[in-house]
């Protein structure tokens, strides 16, 4: 069974361009939405994402909506605990495909890390 995990040096989820996520208002409250919008740089990437190192510069202090936890995903998307891994894996695969491509090294590393295709 595949188990979700974050894969270092990916950062696909740090591409925050609101036009790529048109349903933000459906899962972020007004304060979260304002914070989210304030984090979007001119190029669509999070202002806290270091593109050189491909790491979050505020990782320990990142907002809840940047965290893949049961409580966050239950609140934002109504995901049940037994569905979290599959839901999070699907989200990551979608973002990785959009940013880097379906056949990218990032997708290969992610799928290997989470145990997809084993």
PDB file of N, CA and C in Angstrom:
ATOM      1  N   UNK A   1       0.834  -1.184   0.000  1.00  0.00           N
ATOM      2  CA  UNK A   1       0.000   0.000   0.000  1.00  0.00           C
ATOM      3  C   UNK A   1       0.883   1.253   0.000  1.00  0.00           C
ATOM      4  N   UNK A   2       0.548   2.202  -0.831  1.00  0.00           N
ATOM      5  CA  UNK A   2       1.317   3.436  -0.938  1.00  0.00           C
ATOM      6  C   UNK A   2       1.069   4.321   0.279  1.00  0.00           C
ATOM      7  N   UNK A   3       2.137   4.929   0.771  1.00  0.00           N
ATOM      8  CA  UNK A   3       2.062   5.828   1.916  1.00  0.00           C
ATOM      9  C   UNK A   3       2.665   7.167   1.518  1.00  0.00           C
ATOM     10  N   UNK A   4       1.886   8.247   1.686  1.00  0.00           N
ATOM     11  CA  UNK A   4       2.348   9.572   1.298  1.00  0.00           C
ATOM     12  C   UNK A   4       3.537  10.007   2.137  1.00  0.00           C
ATOM     13  N   UNK A   5       4.456  10.724   1.503  1.00  0.00           N
ATOM     14  CA  UNK A   5       5.522  11.430   2.202  1.00  0.00           C
ATOM     15  C   UNK A   5       6.005  12.563   1.311  1.00  0.00           C
ATOM     16  N   UNK A   6       6.522  13.590   1.922  1.00  0.00           N
ATOM     17  CA  UNK A   6       7.098  14.707   1.184  1.00  0.00           C
ATOM     18  C   UNK A   6       8.467  14.277   0.683  1.00  0.00           C
ATOM     19  N   UNK A   7       8.782  14.672  -0.545  1.00  0.00           N
ATOM     20  CA  UNK A   7      10.069  14.333  -1.130  1.00  0.00           C
ATOM     21  C   UNK A   7      10.874  15.618  -1.275  1.00  0.00           C
ATOM     22  N   UNK A   8      12.017  15.666  -0.629  1.00  0.00           N
ATOM     23  CA  UNK A   8      12.863  16.868  -0.670  1.00  0.00           C
ATOM     24  C   UNK A   8      13.250  17.216  -2.098  1.00  0.00           C
ATOM     25  N   UNK A   9      13.478  18.499  -2.291  1.00  0.00           N
ATOM     26  CA  UNK A   9      13.912  19.048  -3.571  1.00  0.00           C
ATOM     27  C   UNK A   9      12.887  18.831  -4.684  1.00  0.00           C
ATOM     28  N   UNK A  10      11.633  18.858  -4.323  1.00  0.00           N
ATOM     29  CA  UNK A  10      10.546  18.795  -5.295  1.00  0.00           C
ATOM     30  C   UNK A  10       9.946  20.192  -5.395  1.00  0.00           C
ATOM     31  N   UNK A  11       9.150  20.571  -4.414  1.00  0.00           N
ATOM     32  CA  UNK A  11       8.594  21.911  -4.356  1.00  0.00           C
ATOM     33  C   UNK A  11       7.413  22.173  -5.260  1.00  0.00           C
ATOM     34  N   UNK A  12       6.886  21.157  -5.917  1.00  0.00           N
ATOM     35  CA  UNK A  12       5.754  21.381  -6.826  1.00  0.00           C
ATOM     36  C   UNK A  12       4.582  22.037  -6.106  1.00  0.00           C
ATOM     37  N   UNK A  13       4.361  21.689  -4.861  1.00  0.00           N
ATOM     38  CA  UNK A  13       3.252  22.281  -4.108  1.00  0.00           C
ATOM     39  C   UNK A  13       3.494  23.744  -3.779  1.00  0.00           C
ATOM     40  N   UNK A  14       4.726  24.220  -3.955  1.00  0.00           N
ATOM     41  CA  UNK A  14       5.061  25.618  -3.664  1.00  0.00           C
ATOM     42  C   UNK A  14       4.738  26.551  -4.827  1.00  0.00           C
ATOM     43  N   UNK A  15       4.271  25.992  -5.932  1.00  0.00           N
ATOM     44  CA  UNK A  15       3.781  26.836  -7.020  1.00  0.00           C
ATOM     45  C   UNK A  15       2.341  27.169  -6.660  1.00  0.00           C
ATOM     46  N   UNK A  16       2.119  28.402  -6.239  1.00  0.00           N
ATOM     47  CA  UNK A  16       0.851  28.806  -5.634  1.00  0.00           C
ATOM     48  C   UNK A  16      -0.060  29.627  -6.535  1.00  0.00           C
ATOM     49  N   UNK A  17       0.293  29.822  -7.784  1.00  0.00           N
ATOM     50  CA  UNK A  17      -0.483  30.694  -8.669  1.00  0.00           C
ATOM     51  C   UNK A  17      -1.980  30.425  -8.521  1.00  0.00           C
ATOM     52  N   UNK A  18      -2.746  31.424  -8.079  1.00  0.00           N
ATOM     53  CA  UNK A  18      -4.176  31.226  -7.839  1.00  0.00           C
ATOM     54  C   UNK A  18      -4.952  30.760  -9.073  1.00  0.00           C
ATOM     55  N   UNK A  19      -4.522  31.135 -10.264  1.00  0.00           N
ATOM     56  CA  UNK A  19      -5.234  30.674 -11.461  1.00  0.00           C
ATOM     57  C   UNK A  19      -5.051  29.174 -11.684  1.00  0.00           C
ATOM     58  N   UNK A  20      -4.056  28.578 -11.040  1.00  0.00           N
ATOM     59  CA  UNK A  20      -3.853  27.130 -11.099  1.00  0.00           C
ATOM     60  C   UNK A  20      -4.687  26.399 -10.040  1.00  0.00           C
ATOM     61  N   UNK A  21      -5.228  27.160  -9.092  1.00  0.00           N
ATOM     62  CA  UNK A  21      -6.020  26.591  -7.998  1.00  0.00           C
ATOM     63  C   UNK A  21      -7.291  27.424  -7.825  1.00  0.00           C
ATOM     64  N   UNK A  22      -8.188  27.345  -8.796  1.00  0.00           N
ATOM     65  CA  UNK A  22      -9.364  28.226  -8.797  1.00  0.00           C
ATOM     66  C   UNK A  22     -10.365  27.997  -7.668  1.00  0.00           C
ATOM     67  N   UNK A  23     -10.249  26.910  -6.949  1.00  0.00           N
ATOM     68  CA  UNK A  23     -11.206  26.594  -5.889  1.00  0.00           C
ATOM     69  C   UNK A  23     -10.685  26.928  -4.491  1.00  0.00           C
ATOM     70  N   UNK A  24      -9.684  27.782  -4.395  1.00  0.00           N
ATOM     71  CA  UNK A  24      -9.096  28.140  -3.097  1.00  0.00           C
ATOM     72  C   UNK A  24     -10.138  28.585  -2.077  1.00  0.00           C
ATOM     73  N   UNK A  25     -11.106  29.381  -2.520  1.00  0.00           N
ATOM     74  CA  UNK A  25     -12.117  29.916  -1.603  1.00  0.00           C
ATOM     75  C   UNK A  25     -13.012  28.831  -1.022  1.00  0.00           C
ATOM     76  N   UNK A  26     -13.028  27.660  -1.651  1.00  0.00           N
ATOM     77  CA  UNK A  26     -13.879  26.591  -1.146  1.00  0.00           C
ATOM     78  C   UNK A  26     -13.234  25.827   0.013  1.00  0.00           C
ATOM     79  N   UNK A  27     -11.910  25.944   0.177  1.00  0.00           N
ATOM     80  CA  UNK A  27     -11.281  25.212   1.279  1.00  0.00           C
ATOM     81  C   UNK A  27     -10.395  26.060   2.188  1.00  0.00           C
ATOM     82  N   UNK A  28     -10.244  27.347   1.898  1.00  0.00           N
ATOM     83  CA  UNK A  28      -9.520  28.242   2.799  1.00  0.00           C
ATOM     84  C   UNK A  28     -10.486  29.273   3.360  1.00  0.00           C
ATOM     85  N   UNK A  29     -10.386  29.536   4.664  1.00  0.00           N
ATOM     86  CA  UNK A  29     -11.234  30.587   5.223  1.00  0.00           C
ATOM     87  C   UNK A  29     -10.645  31.940   4.797  1.00  0.00           C
ATOM     88  N   UNK A  30     -11.375  33.037   4.989  1.00  0.00           N
ATOM     89  CA  UNK A  30     -10.898  34.346   4.497  1.00  0.00           C
ATOM     90  C   UNK A  30      -9.502  34.738   4.999  1.00  0.00           C
ATOM     91  N   UNK A  31      -9.180  34.455   6.249  1.00  0.00           N
ATOM     92  CA  UNK A  31      -7.846  34.784   6.765  1.00  0.00           C
ATOM     93  C   UNK A  31      -6.766  33.927   6.102  1.00  0.00           C
ATOM     94  N   UNK A  32      -7.054  32.644   5.936  1.00  0.00           N
ATOM     95  CA  UNK A  32      -6.101  31.756   5.265  1.00  0.00           C
ATOM     96  C   UNK A  32      -5.912  32.186   3.809  1.00  0.00           C
ATOM     97  N   UNK A  33      -7.005  32.539   3.154  1.00  0.00           N
ATOM     98  CA  UNK A  33      -6.926  32.961   1.757  1.00  0.00           C
ATOM     99  C   UNK A  33      -6.066  34.218   1.623  1.00  0.00           C
ATOM    100  N   UNK A  34      -6.238  35.170   2.521  1.00  0.00           N
ATOM    101  CA  UNK A  34      -5.435  36.393   2.497  1.00  0.00           C
ATOM    102  C   UNK A  34      -3.948  36.056   2.698  1.00  0.00           C
ATOM    103  N   UNK A  35      -3.645  35.158   3.624  1.00  0.00           N
ATOM    104  CA  UNK A  35      -2.261  34.742   3.852  1.00  0.00           C
ATOM    105  C   UNK A  35      -1.713  34.048   2.605  1.00  0.00           C
ATOM    106  N   UNK A  36      -2.504  33.142   2.051  1.00  0.00           N
ATOM    107  CA  UNK A  36      -2.097  32.421   0.847  1.00  0.00           C
ATOM    108  C   UNK A  36      -1.738  33.412  -0.259  1.00  0.00           C
ATOM    109  N   UNK A  37      -2.642  34.357  -0.533  1.00  0.00           N
ATOM    110  CA  UNK A  37      -2.422  35.342  -1.602  1.00  0.00           C
ATOM    111  C   UNK A  37      -1.163  36.162  -1.316  1.00  0.00           C
ATOM    112  N   UNK A  38      -0.914  36.491  -0.045  1.00  0.00           N
ATOM    113  CA  UNK A  38       0.277  37.272   0.307  1.00  0.00           C
ATOM    114  C   UNK A  38       1.571  36.492   0.082  1.00  0.00           C
ATOM    115  N   UNK A  39       1.469  35.181  -0.005  1.00  0.00           N
ATOM    116  CA  UNK A  39       2.646  34.332  -0.193  1.00  0.00           C
ATOM    117  C   UNK A  39       2.979  34.097  -1.663  1.00  0.00           C
ATOM    118  N   UNK A  40       2.101  34.507  -2.560  1.00  0.00           N
ATOM    119  CA  UNK A  40       2.308  34.264  -3.990  1.00  0.00           C
ATOM    120  C   UNK A  40       3.219  35.346  -4.565  1.00  0.00           C
ATOM    121  N   UNK A  41       4.356  34.925  -5.102  1.00  0.00           N
ATOM    122  CA  UNK A  41       5.272  35.854  -5.743  1.00  0.00           C
ATOM    123  C   UNK A  41       4.809  36.202  -7.147  1.00  0.00           C
ATOM    124  N   UNK A  42       5.458  37.149  -7.768  1.00  0.00           N
ATOM    125  CA  UNK A  42       5.097  37.608  -9.113  1.00  0.00           C
ATOM    126  C   UNK A  42       5.143  36.482 -10.144  1.00  0.00           C
ATOM    127  N   UNK A  43       6.000  35.490  -9.906  1.00  0.00           N
ATOM    128  CA  UNK A  43       6.134  34.371 -10.834  1.00  0.00           C
ATOM    129  C   UNK A  43       5.216  33.196 -10.493  1.00  0.00           C
ATOM    130  N   UNK A  44       4.374  33.355  -9.468  1.00  0.00           N
ATOM    131  CA  UNK A  44       3.450  32.293  -9.067  1.00  0.00           C
ATOM    132  C   UNK A  44       3.997  31.366  -7.990  1.00  0.00           C
ATOM    133  N   UNK A  45       5.286  31.424  -7.735  1.00  0.00           N
ATOM    134  CA  UNK A  45       5.898  30.578  -6.710  1.00  0.00           C
ATOM    135  C   UNK A  45       5.769  31.247  -5.346  1.00  0.00           C
ATOM    136  N   UNK A  46       5.737  30.452  -4.305  1.00  0.00           N
ATOM    137  CA  UNK A  46       5.696  30.969  -2.944  1.00  0.00           C
ATOM    138  C   UNK A  46       6.937  31.827  -2.697  1.00  0.00           C
ATOM    139  N   UNK A  47       6.729  32.947  -2.037  1.00  0.00           N
ATOM    140  CA  UNK A  47       7.846  33.840  -1.737  1.00  0.00           C
ATOM    141  C   UNK A  47       8.827  33.206  -0.743  1.00  0.00           C
ATOM    142  N   UNK A  48       8.413  32.142  -0.082  1.00  0.00           N
ATOM    143  CA  UNK A  48       9.269  31.454   0.889  1.00  0.00           C
ATOM    144  C   UNK A  48       9.953  30.220   0.298  1.00  0.00           C
ATOM    145  N   UNK A  49       9.792  30.015  -0.991  1.00  0.00           N
ATOM    146  CA  UNK A  49      10.401  28.861  -1.659  1.00  0.00           C
ATOM    147  C   UNK A  49      11.735  29.285  -2.255  1.00  0.00           C
ATOM    148  N   UNK A  50      12.795  28.626  -1.840  1.00  0.00           N
ATOM    149  CA  UNK A  50      14.120  28.892  -2.377  1.00  0.00           C
ATOM    150  C   UNK A  50      14.297  28.030  -3.622  1.00  0.00           C
ATOM    151  N   UNK A  51      14.208  28.641  -4.787  1.00  0.00           N
ATOM    152  CA  UNK A  51      14.270  27.887  -6.045  1.00  0.00           C
ATOM    153  C   UNK A  51      15.647  27.279  -6.287  1.00  0.00           C
ATOM    154  N   UNK A  52      16.684  27.886  -5.737  1.00  0.00           N
ATOM    155  CA  UNK A  52      18.024  27.337  -5.907  1.00  0.00           C
ATOM    156  C   UNK A  52      18.197  26.022  -5.166  1.00  0.00           C
ATOM    157  N   UNK A  53      17.813  26.018  -3.909  1.00  0.00           N
ATOM    158  CA  UNK A  53      17.927  24.813  -3.076  1.00  0.00           C
ATOM    159  C   UNK A  53      16.680  23.934  -3.162  1.00  0.00           C
ATOM    160  N   UNK A  54      15.613  24.487  -3.744  1.00  0.00           N
ATOM    161  CA  UNK A  54      14.331  23.794  -3.863  1.00  0.00           C
ATOM    162  C   UNK A  54      13.811  23.354  -2.492  1.00  0.00           C
ATOM    163  N   UNK A  55      13.848  24.315  -1.552  1.00  0.00           N
ATOM    164  CA  UNK A  55      13.380  24.057  -0.196  1.00  0.00           C
ATOM    165  C   UNK A  55      12.546  25.225   0.306  1.00  0.00           C
ATOM    166  N   UNK A  56      11.662  24.931   1.238  1.00  0.00           N
ATOM    167  CA  UNK A  56      10.865  25.958   1.908  1.00  0.00           C
ATOM    168  C   UNK A  56      11.737  26.612   2.973  1.00  0.00           C
ATOM    169  N   UNK A  57      11.781  27.948   2.958  1.00  0.00           N
ATOM    170  CA  UNK A  57      12.617  28.653   3.929  1.00  0.00           C
ATOM    171  C   UNK A  57      11.915  28.850   5.270  1.00  0.00           C
ATOM    172  N   UNK A  58      10.626  28.526   5.347  1.00  0.00           N
ATOM    173  CA  UNK A  58       9.885  28.646   6.613  1.00  0.00           C
ATOM    174  C   UNK A  58       9.257  27.307   7.012  1.00  0.00           C
ATOM    175  N   UNK A  59       9.830  26.212   6.554  1.00  0.00           N
ATOM    176  CA  UNK A  59       9.213  24.894   6.723  1.00  0.00           C
ATOM    177  C   UNK A  59       8.700  24.622   8.134  1.00  0.00           C
ATOM    178  N   UNK A  60       9.475  24.841   9.188  1.00  0.00           N
ATOM    179  CA  UNK A  60       8.943  24.550  10.528  1.00  0.00           C
ATOM    180  C   UNK A  60       7.771  25.456  10.921  1.00  0.00           C
ATOM    181  N   UNK A  61       7.711  26.635  10.322  1.00  0.00           N
ATOM    182  CA  UNK A  61       6.682  27.619  10.673  1.00  0.00           C
ATOM    183  C   UNK A  61       5.663  27.848   9.561  1.00  0.00           C
ATOM    184  N   UNK A  62       5.620  26.960   8.578  1.00  0.00           N
ATOM    185  CA  UNK A  62       4.706  27.147   7.448  1.00  0.00           C
ATOM    186  C   UNK A  62       3.256  27.083   7.922  1.00  0.00           C
ATOM    187  N   UNK A  63       2.346  27.728   7.174  1.00  0.00           N
ATOM    188  CA  UNK A  63       0.924  27.726   7.564  1.00  0.00           C
ATOM    189  C   UNK A  63       0.324  26.319   7.532  1.00  0.00           C
ATOM    190  N   UNK A  64      -0.791  26.163   8.226  1.00  0.00           N
ATOM    191  CA  UNK A  64      -1.481  24.866   8.258  1.00  0.00           C
ATOM    192  C   UNK A  64      -1.818  24.369   6.860  1.00  0.00           C
ATOM    193  N   UNK A  65      -2.241  25.287   5.964  1.00  0.00           N
ATOM    194  CA  UNK A  65      -2.651  24.825   4.635  1.00  0.00           C
ATOM    195  C   UNK A  65      -1.483  24.281   3.817  1.00  0.00           C
ATOM    196  N   UNK A  66      -0.270  24.452   4.288  1.00  0.00           N
ATOM    197  CA  UNK A  66       0.909  23.879   3.642  1.00  0.00           C
ATOM    198  C   UNK A  66       1.300  22.533   4.247  1.00  0.00           C
ATOM    199  N   UNK A  67       0.553  22.067   5.212  1.00  0.00           N
ATOM    200  CA  UNK A  67       0.900  20.836   5.921  1.00  0.00           C
ATOM    201  C   UNK A  67      -0.035  19.695   5.501  1.00  0.00           C
ATOM    202  N   UNK A  68       0.559  18.543   5.257  1.00  0.00           N
ATOM    203  CA  UNK A  68      -0.241  17.365   4.935  1.00  0.00           C
ATOM    204  C   UNK A  68      -0.415  16.574   6.224  1.00  0.00           C
ATOM    205  N   UNK A  69      -1.521  16.880   6.904  1.00  0.00           N
ATOM    206  CA  UNK A  69      -1.878  16.165   8.123  1.00  0.00           C
ATOM    207  C   UNK A  69      -3.347  15.787   8.012  1.00  0.00           C
ATOM    208  N   UNK A  70      -3.735  14.802   8.792  1.00  0.00           N
ATOM    209  CA  UNK A  70      -5.133  14.392   8.753  1.00  0.00           C
ATOM    210  C   UNK A  70      -6.054  15.552   9.102  1.00  0.00           C
ATOM    211  N   UNK A  71      -5.753  16.276  10.182  1.00  0.00           N
ATOM    212  CA  UNK A  71      -6.663  17.345  10.599  1.00  0.00           C
ATOM    213  C   UNK A  71      -6.766  18.446   9.544  1.00  0.00           C
ATOM    214  N   UNK A  72      -5.664  18.799   8.919  1.00  0.00           N
ATOM    215  CA  UNK A  72      -5.694  19.821   7.865  1.00  0.00           C
ATOM    216  C   UNK A  72      -6.529  19.356   6.679  1.00  0.00           C
ATOM    217  N   UNK A  73      -6.290  18.151   6.215  1.00  0.00           N
ATOM    218  CA  UNK A  73      -7.003  17.660   5.031  1.00  0.00           C
ATOM    219  C   UNK A  73      -8.464  17.338   5.335  1.00  0.00           C
ATOM    220  N   UNK A  74      -8.741  16.949   6.570  1.00  0.00           N
ATOM    221  CA  UNK A  74     -10.135  16.738   6.955  1.00  0.00           C
ATOM    222  C   UNK A  74     -10.878  18.070   6.931  1.00  0.00           C
ATOM    223  N   UNK A  75     -10.273  19.108   7.501  1.00  0.00           N
ATOM    224  CA  UNK A  75     -10.901  20.428   7.553  1.00  0.00           C
ATOM    225  C   UNK A  75     -11.054  21.033   6.161  1.00  0.00           C
ATOM    226  N   UNK A  76      -9.989  21.004   5.376  1.00  0.00           N
ATOM    227  CA  UNK A  76     -10.021  21.670   4.075  1.00  0.00           C
ATOM    228  C   UNK A  76     -10.816  20.897   3.024  1.00  0.00           C
ATOM    229  N   UNK A  77     -10.681  19.567   3.000  1.00  0.00           N
ATOM    230  CA  UNK A  77     -11.250  18.786   1.907  1.00  0.00           C
ATOM    231  C   UNK A  77     -12.244  17.709   2.330  1.00  0.00           C
ATOM    232  N   UNK A  78     -12.448  17.533   3.642  1.00  0.00           N
ATOM    233  CA  UNK A  78     -13.357  16.495   4.106  1.00  0.00           C
ATOM    234  C   UNK A  78     -12.814  15.096   3.900  1.00  0.00           C
ATOM    235  N   UNK A  79     -11.506  14.942   3.907  1.00  0.00           N
ATOM    236  CA  UNK A  79     -10.860  13.653   3.670  1.00  0.00           C
ATOM    237  C   UNK A  79     -10.865  12.826   4.954  1.00  0.00           C
ATOM    238  N   UNK A  80     -11.314  11.595   4.860  1.00  0.00           N
ATOM    239  CA  UNK A  80     -11.300  10.672   5.994  1.00  0.00           C
ATOM    240  C   UNK A  80      -9.876  10.173   6.215  1.00  0.00           C
ATOM    241  N   UNK A  81      -9.568   9.791   7.436  1.00  0.00           N
ATOM    242  CA  UNK A  81      -8.195   9.389   7.775  1.00  0.00           C
ATOM    243  C   UNK A  81      -7.703   8.228   6.910  1.00  0.00           C
ATOM    244  N   UNK A  82      -8.584   7.289   6.581  1.00  0.00           N
ATOM    245  CA  UNK A  82      -8.158   6.148   5.775  1.00  0.00           C
ATOM    246  C   UNK A  82      -8.003   6.491   4.291  1.00  0.00           C
ATOM    247  N   UNK A  83      -8.340   7.709   3.920  1.00  0.00           N
ATOM    248  CA  UNK A  83      -8.203   8.152   2.525  1.00  0.00           C
ATOM    249  C   UNK A  83      -7.061   9.155   2.343  1.00  0.00           C
ATOM    250  N   UNK A  84      -6.430   9.553   3.446  1.00  0.00           N
ATOM    251  CA  UNK A  84      -5.426  10.617   3.381  1.00  0.00           C
ATOM    252  C   UNK A  84      -4.263  10.279   2.458  1.00  0.00           C
ATOM    253  N   UNK A  85      -3.673   9.106   2.601  1.00  0.00           N
ATOM    254  CA  UNK A  85      -2.519   8.757   1.765  1.00  0.00           C
ATOM    255  C   UNK A  85      -2.866   8.836   0.276  1.00  0.00           C
ATOM    256  N   UNK A  86      -3.952   8.189  -0.120  1.00  0.00           N
ATOM    257  CA  UNK A  86      -4.332   8.190  -1.542  1.00  0.00           C
ATOM    258  C   UNK A  86      -4.640   9.600  -2.037  1.00  0.00           C
ATOM    259  N   UNK A  87      -5.345  10.387  -1.230  1.00  0.00           N
ATOM    260  CA  UNK A  87      -5.710  11.746  -1.617  1.00  0.00           C
ATOM    261  C   UNK A  87      -4.457  12.609  -1.763  1.00  0.00           C
ATOM    262  N   UNK A  88      -3.561  12.557  -0.784  1.00  0.00           N
ATOM    263  CA  UNK A  88      -2.339  13.360  -0.818  1.00  0.00           C
ATOM    264  C   UNK A  88      -1.429  12.935  -1.963  1.00  0.00           C
ATOM    265  N   UNK A  89      -1.317  11.647  -2.206  1.00  0.00           N
ATOM    266  CA  UNK A  89      -0.504  11.154  -3.322  1.00  0.00           C
ATOM    267  C   UNK A  89      -1.062  11.677  -4.640  1.00  0.00           C
ATOM    268  N   UNK A  90      -2.376  11.610  -4.811  1.00  0.00           N
ATOM    269  CA  UNK A  90      -2.995  12.126  -6.037  1.00  0.00           C
ATOM    270  C   UNK A  90      -2.723  13.616  -6.210  1.00  0.00           C
ATOM    271  N   UNK A  91      -2.835  14.385  -5.120  1.00  0.00           N
ATOM    272  CA  UNK A  91      -2.566  15.831  -5.181  1.00  0.00           C
ATOM    273  C   UNK A  91      -1.129  16.090  -5.615  1.00  0.00           C
ATOM    274  N   UNK A  92      -0.199  15.401  -4.990  1.00  0.00           N
ATOM    275  CA  UNK A  92       1.213  15.602  -5.323  1.00  0.00           C
ATOM    276  C   UNK A  92       1.499  15.209  -6.768  1.00  0.00           C
ATOM    277  N   UNK A  93       0.977  14.075  -7.186  1.00  0.00           N
ATOM    278  CA  UNK A  93       1.212  13.638  -8.565  1.00  0.00           C
ATOM    279  C   UNK A  93       0.663  14.662  -9.561  1.00  0.00           C
ATOM    280  N   UNK A  94      -0.486  15.230  -9.261  1.00  0.00           N
ATOM    281  CA  UNK A  94      -1.072  16.234 -10.143  1.00  0.00           C
ATOM    282  C   UNK A  94      -0.179  17.475 -10.216  1.00  0.00           C
ATOM    283  N   UNK A  95       0.277  17.950  -9.068  1.00  0.00           N
ATOM    284  CA  UNK A  95       1.142  19.138  -9.047  1.00  0.00           C
ATOM    285  C   UNK A  95       2.484  18.858  -9.714  1.00  0.00           C
ATOM    286  N   UNK A  96       3.076  17.717  -9.425  1.00  0.00           N
ATOM    287  CA  UNK A  96       4.365  17.369 -10.027  1.00  0.00           C
ATOM    288  C   UNK A  96       4.223  17.272 -11.538  1.00  0.00           C
ATOM    289  N   UNK A  97       3.157  16.638 -12.020  1.00  0.00           N
ATOM    290  CA  UNK A  97       2.937  16.529 -13.467  1.00  0.00           C
ATOM    291  C   UNK A  97       2.767  17.906 -14.102  1.00  0.00           C
ATOM    292  N   UNK A  98       2.011  18.785 -13.437  1.00  0.00           N
ATOM    293  CA  UNK A  98       1.790  20.133 -13.973  1.00  0.00           C
ATOM    294  C   UNK A  98       3.079  20.945 -14.038  1.00  0.00           C
ATOM    295  N   UNK A  99       3.917  20.823 -13.028  1.00  0.00           N
ATOM    296  CA  UNK A  99       5.132  21.636 -12.931  1.00  0.00           C
ATOM    297  C   UNK A  99       6.300  21.018 -13.688  1.00  0.00           C
ATOM    298  N   UNK A 100       6.527  19.733 -13.503  1.00  0.00           N
ATOM    299  CA  UNK A 100       7.729  19.094 -14.043  1.00  0.00           C
ATOM    300  C   UNK A 100       7.456  18.083 -15.158  1.00  0.00           C
ATOM    301  N   UNK A 101       6.235  17.557 -15.233  1.00  0.00           N
ATOM    302  CA  UNK A 101       5.888  16.571 -16.263  1.00  0.00           C
ATOM    303  C   UNK A 101       5.686  15.184 -15.689  1.00  0.00           C
ATOM    304  N   UNK A 102       4.872  14.402 -16.397  1.00  0.00           N
ATOM    305  CA  UNK A 102       4.549  13.033 -15.966  1.00  0.00           C
ATOM    306  C   UNK A 102       5.762  12.108 -15.912  1.00  0.00           C
ATOM    307  N   UNK A 103       6.732  12.350 -16.780  1.00  0.00           N
ATOM    308  CA  UNK A 103       7.895  11.466 -16.872  1.00  0.00           C
ATOM    309  C   UNK A 103       9.142  12.096 -16.259  1.00  0.00           C
ATOM    310  N   UNK A 104       8.973  13.107 -15.425  1.00  0.00           N
ATOM    311  CA  UNK A 104      10.098  13.846 -14.852  1.00  0.00           C
ATOM    312  C   UNK A 104      10.825  13.043 -13.772  1.00  0.00           C
ATOM    313  N   UNK A 105      12.077  13.406 -13.513  1.00  0.00           N
ATOM    314  CA  UNK A 105      12.791  12.781 -12.387  1.00  0.00           C
ATOM    315  C   UNK A 105      12.071  13.026 -11.055  1.00  0.00           C
ATOM    316  N   UNK A 106      11.419  14.192 -10.924  1.00  0.00           N
ATOM    317  CA  UNK A 106      10.675  14.495  -9.697  1.00  0.00           C
ATOM    318  C   UNK A 106       9.533  13.509  -9.498  1.00  0.00           C
ATOM    319  N   UNK A 107       8.813  13.206 -10.580  1.00  0.00           N
ATOM    320  CA  UNK A 107       7.711  12.241 -10.486  1.00  0.00           C
ATOM    321  C   UNK A 107       8.249  10.852 -10.168  1.00  0.00           C
ATOM    322  N   UNK A 108       9.331  10.483 -10.801  1.00  0.00           N
ATOM    323  CA  UNK A 108       9.923   9.171 -10.550  1.00  0.00           C
ATOM    324  C   UNK A 108      10.363   9.043  -9.086  1.00  0.00           C
ATOM    325  N   UNK A 109      11.031  10.086  -8.554  1.00  0.00           N
ATOM    326  CA  UNK A 109      11.472  10.057  -7.158  1.00  0.00           C
ATOM    327  C   UNK A 109      10.282  10.006  -6.208  1.00  0.00           C
ATOM    328  N   UNK A 110       9.228  10.790  -6.519  1.00  0.00           N
ATOM    329  CA  UNK A 110       8.056  10.788  -5.650  1.00  0.00           C
ATOM    330  C   UNK A 110       7.398   9.409  -5.645  1.00  0.00           C
ATOM    331  N   UNK A 111       7.132   8.865  -6.826  1.00  0.00           N
ATOM    332  CA  UNK A 111       6.468   7.562  -6.907  1.00  0.00           C
ATOM    333  C   UNK A 111       7.268   6.475  -6.217  1.00  0.00           C
ATOM    334  N   UNK A 112       8.588   6.518  -6.358  1.00  0.00           N
ATOM    335  CA  UNK A 112       9.433   5.542  -5.678  1.00  0.00           C
ATOM    336  C   UNK A 112       9.350   5.719  -4.158  1.00  0.00           C
ATOM    337  N   UNK A 113       9.388   6.950  -3.696  1.00  0.00           N
ATOM    338  CA  UNK A 113       9.358   7.229  -2.251  1.00  0.00           C
ATOM    339  C   UNK A 113       8.065   6.770  -1.604  1.00  0.00           C
ATOM    340  N   UNK A 114       6.933   6.973  -2.288  1.00  0.00           N
ATOM    341  CA  UNK A 114       5.644   6.640  -1.690  1.00  0.00           C
ATOM    342  C   UNK A 114       5.205   5.205  -1.985  1.00  0.00           C
ATOM    343  N   UNK A 115       5.925   4.519  -2.862  1.00  0.00           N
ATOM    344  CA  UNK A 115       5.613   3.128  -3.137  1.00  0.00           C
ATOM    345  C   UNK A 115       4.555   2.923  -4.194  1.00  0.00           C
ATOM    346  N   UNK A 116       4.427   3.888  -5.103  1.00  0.00           N
ATOM    347  CA  UNK A 116       3.474   3.743  -6.217  1.00  0.00           C
ATOM    348  C   UNK A 116       4.157   2.956  -7.321  1.00  0.00           C
ATOM    349  N   UNK A 117       3.437   1.976  -7.860  1.00  0.00           N
ATOM    350  CA  UNK A 117       3.960   1.182  -8.975  1.00  0.00           C
ATOM    351  C   UNK A 117       4.849   0.042  -8.548  1.00  0.00           C
ATOM    352  N   UNK A 118       4.863  -0.266  -7.277  1.00  0.00           N
ATOM    353  CA  UNK A 118       5.701  -1.377  -6.801  1.00  0.00           C
ATOM    354  C   UNK A 118       5.009  -2.696  -7.017  1.00  0.00           C
TER     355      UNK A 118
END
